[in-house]
């Protein structure tokens, strides 16, 4: 705010690829903190990378065994 910025477009990014495609717990609280500080939020865009070649996930063929 002290820099003269009063409006934002937000790009939200999770790990993506062959890992998790949902943003972590800090994403929502960070966005809420920006809104509460008086920033005007223009648009929220999800820029999580989506795989096109589907590299196999870690854990092997039988998955994670507990």
N, C-alpha and C. Protein backbone atom coordinates (compact mmCIF):
# COMPACT_ATOMS: atom_id res chain seq x y z
N UNK A 1 0.82 -1.20 0.00
CA UNK A 1 0.00 0.00 0.00
C UNK A 1 0.86 1.25 0.00
N UNK A 2 1.93 1.22 0.77
CA UNK A 2 2.80 2.39 0.83
C UNK A 2 3.55 2.61 -0.49
N UNK A 3 3.58 1.59 -1.35
CA UNK A 3 4.20 1.75 -2.66
C UNK A 3 3.22 2.30 -3.70
N UNK A 4 1.98 2.48 -3.30
CA UNK A 4 0.98 3.00 -4.23
C UNK A 4 0.22 1.91 -4.97
N UNK A 5 0.37 0.66 -4.53
CA UNK A 5 -0.37 -0.44 -5.16
C UNK A 5 -1.65 -0.66 -4.36
N UNK A 6 -2.79 -0.58 -5.05
CA UNK A 6 -4.04 -0.76 -4.32
C UNK A 6 -4.95 -1.81 -4.95
N UNK A 7 -4.56 -2.39 -6.09
CA UNK A 7 -5.37 -3.43 -6.72
C UNK A 7 -4.45 -4.52 -7.27
N UNK A 8 -4.94 -5.75 -7.26
CA UNK A 8 -4.10 -6.89 -7.65
C UNK A 8 -4.86 -7.87 -8.54
N UNK A 9 -4.14 -8.52 -9.45
CA UNK A 9 -4.60 -9.74 -10.10
C UNK A 9 -3.75 -10.84 -9.48
N UNK A 10 -4.38 -11.90 -9.01
CA UNK A 10 -3.67 -12.94 -8.28
C UNK A 10 -3.55 -14.20 -9.13
N UNK A 11 -2.32 -14.74 -9.21
CA UNK A 11 -2.09 -16.02 -9.88
C UNK A 11 -1.78 -17.05 -8.80
N UNK A 12 -2.65 -18.04 -8.68
CA UNK A 12 -2.54 -19.06 -7.65
C UNK A 12 -1.90 -20.30 -8.26
N UNK A 13 -0.85 -20.83 -7.61
CA UNK A 13 -0.13 -21.96 -8.19
C UNK A 13 0.12 -23.04 -7.15
N UNK A 14 -0.28 -24.28 -7.47
CA UNK A 14 0.04 -25.43 -6.64
C UNK A 14 1.30 -26.10 -7.21
N UNK A 15 1.72 -27.19 -6.59
CA UNK A 15 2.93 -27.88 -7.06
C UNK A 15 2.74 -28.40 -8.48
N UNK A 16 1.62 -29.06 -8.72
CA UNK A 16 1.27 -29.51 -10.07
C UNK A 16 2.19 -30.58 -10.61
N UNK A 17 2.20 -30.74 -11.92
CA UNK A 17 2.98 -31.79 -12.54
C UNK A 17 2.40 -33.14 -12.16
N UNK A 18 3.24 -34.04 -11.63
CA UNK A 18 2.70 -35.32 -11.16
C UNK A 18 2.55 -35.32 -9.64
N UNK A 19 2.63 -34.15 -9.04
CA UNK A 19 2.41 -34.01 -7.59
C UNK A 19 1.01 -33.46 -7.36
N UNK A 20 0.75 -32.86 -6.20
CA UNK A 20 -0.61 -32.42 -5.87
C UNK A 20 -1.04 -31.24 -6.72
N UNK A 21 -2.32 -31.24 -7.08
CA UNK A 21 -2.86 -30.19 -7.94
C UNK A 21 -3.72 -29.20 -7.17
N UNK A 22 -3.76 -29.35 -5.84
CA UNK A 22 -4.51 -28.41 -5.02
C UNK A 22 -3.54 -27.53 -4.25
N UNK A 23 -3.79 -26.23 -4.17
CA UNK A 23 -2.89 -25.35 -3.42
C UNK A 23 -2.92 -25.66 -1.92
N UNK A 24 -1.83 -25.37 -1.25
CA UNK A 24 -1.69 -25.71 0.17
C UNK A 24 -2.55 -24.84 1.08
N UNK A 25 -2.46 -25.09 2.38
CA UNK A 25 -3.31 -24.37 3.34
C UNK A 25 -2.97 -22.88 3.46
N UNK A 26 -1.77 -22.49 3.07
CA UNK A 26 -1.38 -21.09 3.19
C UNK A 26 -1.93 -20.20 2.09
N UNK A 27 -2.38 -20.80 0.99
CA UNK A 27 -2.84 -20.01 -0.15
C UNK A 27 -4.09 -19.20 0.18
N UNK A 28 -5.06 -19.86 0.81
CA UNK A 28 -6.32 -19.18 1.12
C UNK A 28 -6.11 -18.10 2.18
N UNK A 29 -5.30 -18.38 3.19
CA UNK A 29 -5.08 -17.40 4.24
C UNK A 29 -4.28 -16.21 3.73
N UNK A 30 -3.35 -16.44 2.80
CA UNK A 30 -2.58 -15.34 2.22
C UNK A 30 -3.49 -14.44 1.39
N UNK A 31 -4.39 -15.05 0.64
CA UNK A 31 -5.34 -14.30 -0.17
C UNK A 31 -6.28 -13.48 0.72
N UNK A 32 -6.72 -14.11 1.81
CA UNK A 32 -7.61 -13.42 2.75
C UNK A 32 -6.90 -12.25 3.42
N UNK A 33 -5.61 -12.41 3.73
CA UNK A 33 -4.85 -11.34 4.36
C UNK A 33 -4.69 -10.15 3.42
N UNK A 34 -4.48 -10.43 2.13
CA UNK A 34 -4.37 -9.35 1.15
C UNK A 34 -5.69 -8.58 1.04
N UNK A 35 -6.80 -9.32 1.04
CA UNK A 35 -8.11 -8.68 0.94
C UNK A 35 -8.41 -7.86 2.19
N UNK A 36 -8.01 -8.37 3.35
CA UNK A 36 -8.30 -7.68 4.60
C UNK A 36 -7.45 -6.42 4.76
N UNK A 37 -6.29 -6.38 4.11
CA UNK A 37 -5.43 -5.21 4.22
C UNK A 37 -5.90 -4.04 3.36
N UNK A 38 -6.98 -4.24 2.61
CA UNK A 38 -7.55 -3.15 1.83
C UNK A 38 -7.24 -3.21 0.35
N UNK A 39 -6.58 -4.29 -0.09
CA UNK A 39 -6.29 -4.45 -1.51
C UNK A 39 -7.55 -4.83 -2.26
N UNK A 40 -7.70 -4.27 -3.45
CA UNK A 40 -8.81 -4.68 -4.31
C UNK A 40 -8.31 -5.84 -5.16
N UNK A 41 -9.06 -6.94 -5.18
CA UNK A 41 -8.65 -8.13 -5.92
C UNK A 41 -9.40 -8.17 -7.23
N UNK A 42 -8.66 -8.10 -8.34
CA UNK A 42 -9.27 -8.09 -9.67
C UNK A 42 -9.71 -9.48 -10.08
N UNK A 43 -8.76 -10.32 -10.48
CA UNK A 43 -9.13 -11.69 -10.86
C UNK A 43 -8.16 -12.66 -10.22
N UNK A 44 -8.66 -13.84 -9.92
CA UNK A 44 -7.85 -14.90 -9.34
C UNK A 44 -7.72 -15.98 -10.40
N UNK A 45 -6.48 -16.28 -10.78
CA UNK A 45 -6.23 -17.22 -11.87
C UNK A 45 -5.40 -18.38 -11.35
N UNK A 46 -5.79 -19.60 -11.72
CA UNK A 46 -5.04 -20.79 -11.32
C UNK A 46 -4.02 -21.11 -12.40
N UNK A 47 -2.73 -21.05 -12.06
CA UNK A 47 -1.68 -21.31 -13.03
C UNK A 47 -0.88 -22.58 -12.68
N UNK A 48 -1.56 -23.54 -12.04
CA UNK A 48 -0.92 -24.81 -11.68
C UNK A 48 -0.54 -25.57 -12.94
N UNK A 49 0.72 -26.02 -13.06
CA UNK A 49 1.11 -26.77 -14.26
C UNK A 49 0.41 -28.13 -14.33
N UNK A 50 -0.15 -28.44 -15.49
CA UNK A 50 -0.86 -29.70 -15.70
C UNK A 50 -0.02 -30.56 -16.64
N UNK A 51 0.25 -31.83 -16.26
CA UNK A 51 1.12 -32.66 -17.10
C UNK A 51 0.44 -33.06 -18.41
N UNK A 52 1.24 -33.16 -19.47
CA UNK A 52 0.71 -33.62 -20.74
C UNK A 52 1.25 -35.00 -21.09
N UNK A 53 2.35 -35.40 -20.44
CA UNK A 53 2.94 -36.70 -20.74
C UNK A 53 2.66 -37.73 -19.65
N UNK A 54 2.08 -37.31 -18.55
CA UNK A 54 1.73 -38.15 -17.39
C UNK A 54 2.89 -39.04 -16.95
N UNK A 55 3.91 -38.40 -16.39
CA UNK A 55 5.03 -39.10 -15.77
C UNK A 55 4.48 -39.89 -14.59
N UNK A 56 4.92 -41.13 -14.37
CA UNK A 56 4.37 -41.91 -13.26
C UNK A 56 4.64 -41.26 -11.90
N UNK A 57 3.66 -41.32 -11.03
CA UNK A 57 3.81 -40.74 -9.69
C UNK A 57 4.73 -41.61 -8.84
N UNK A 58 5.29 -41.00 -7.80
CA UNK A 58 6.15 -41.76 -6.91
C UNK A 58 5.30 -42.72 -6.07
N UNK A 59 5.91 -43.78 -5.60
CA UNK A 59 5.17 -44.76 -4.82
C UNK A 59 5.18 -46.13 -5.46
N UNK A 60 5.56 -46.19 -6.72
CA UNK A 60 5.67 -47.49 -7.38
C UNK A 60 4.35 -48.07 -7.82
N UNK A 61 4.42 -49.26 -8.33
CA UNK A 61 3.26 -49.93 -8.91
C UNK A 61 2.18 -50.24 -7.88
N UNK A 62 2.60 -50.65 -6.66
CA UNK A 62 1.63 -51.05 -5.64
C UNK A 62 1.28 -49.92 -4.68
N UNK A 63 1.78 -48.73 -4.93
CA UNK A 63 1.42 -47.59 -4.09
C UNK A 63 2.19 -47.54 -2.79
N UNK A 64 1.81 -46.61 -1.94
CA UNK A 64 2.48 -46.44 -0.65
C UNK A 64 1.85 -47.39 0.36
N UNK A 65 2.68 -48.28 0.91
CA UNK A 65 2.18 -49.27 1.86
C UNK A 65 2.51 -48.82 3.27
N UNK A 66 1.50 -48.80 4.12
CA UNK A 66 1.68 -48.32 5.49
C UNK A 66 1.94 -49.47 6.44
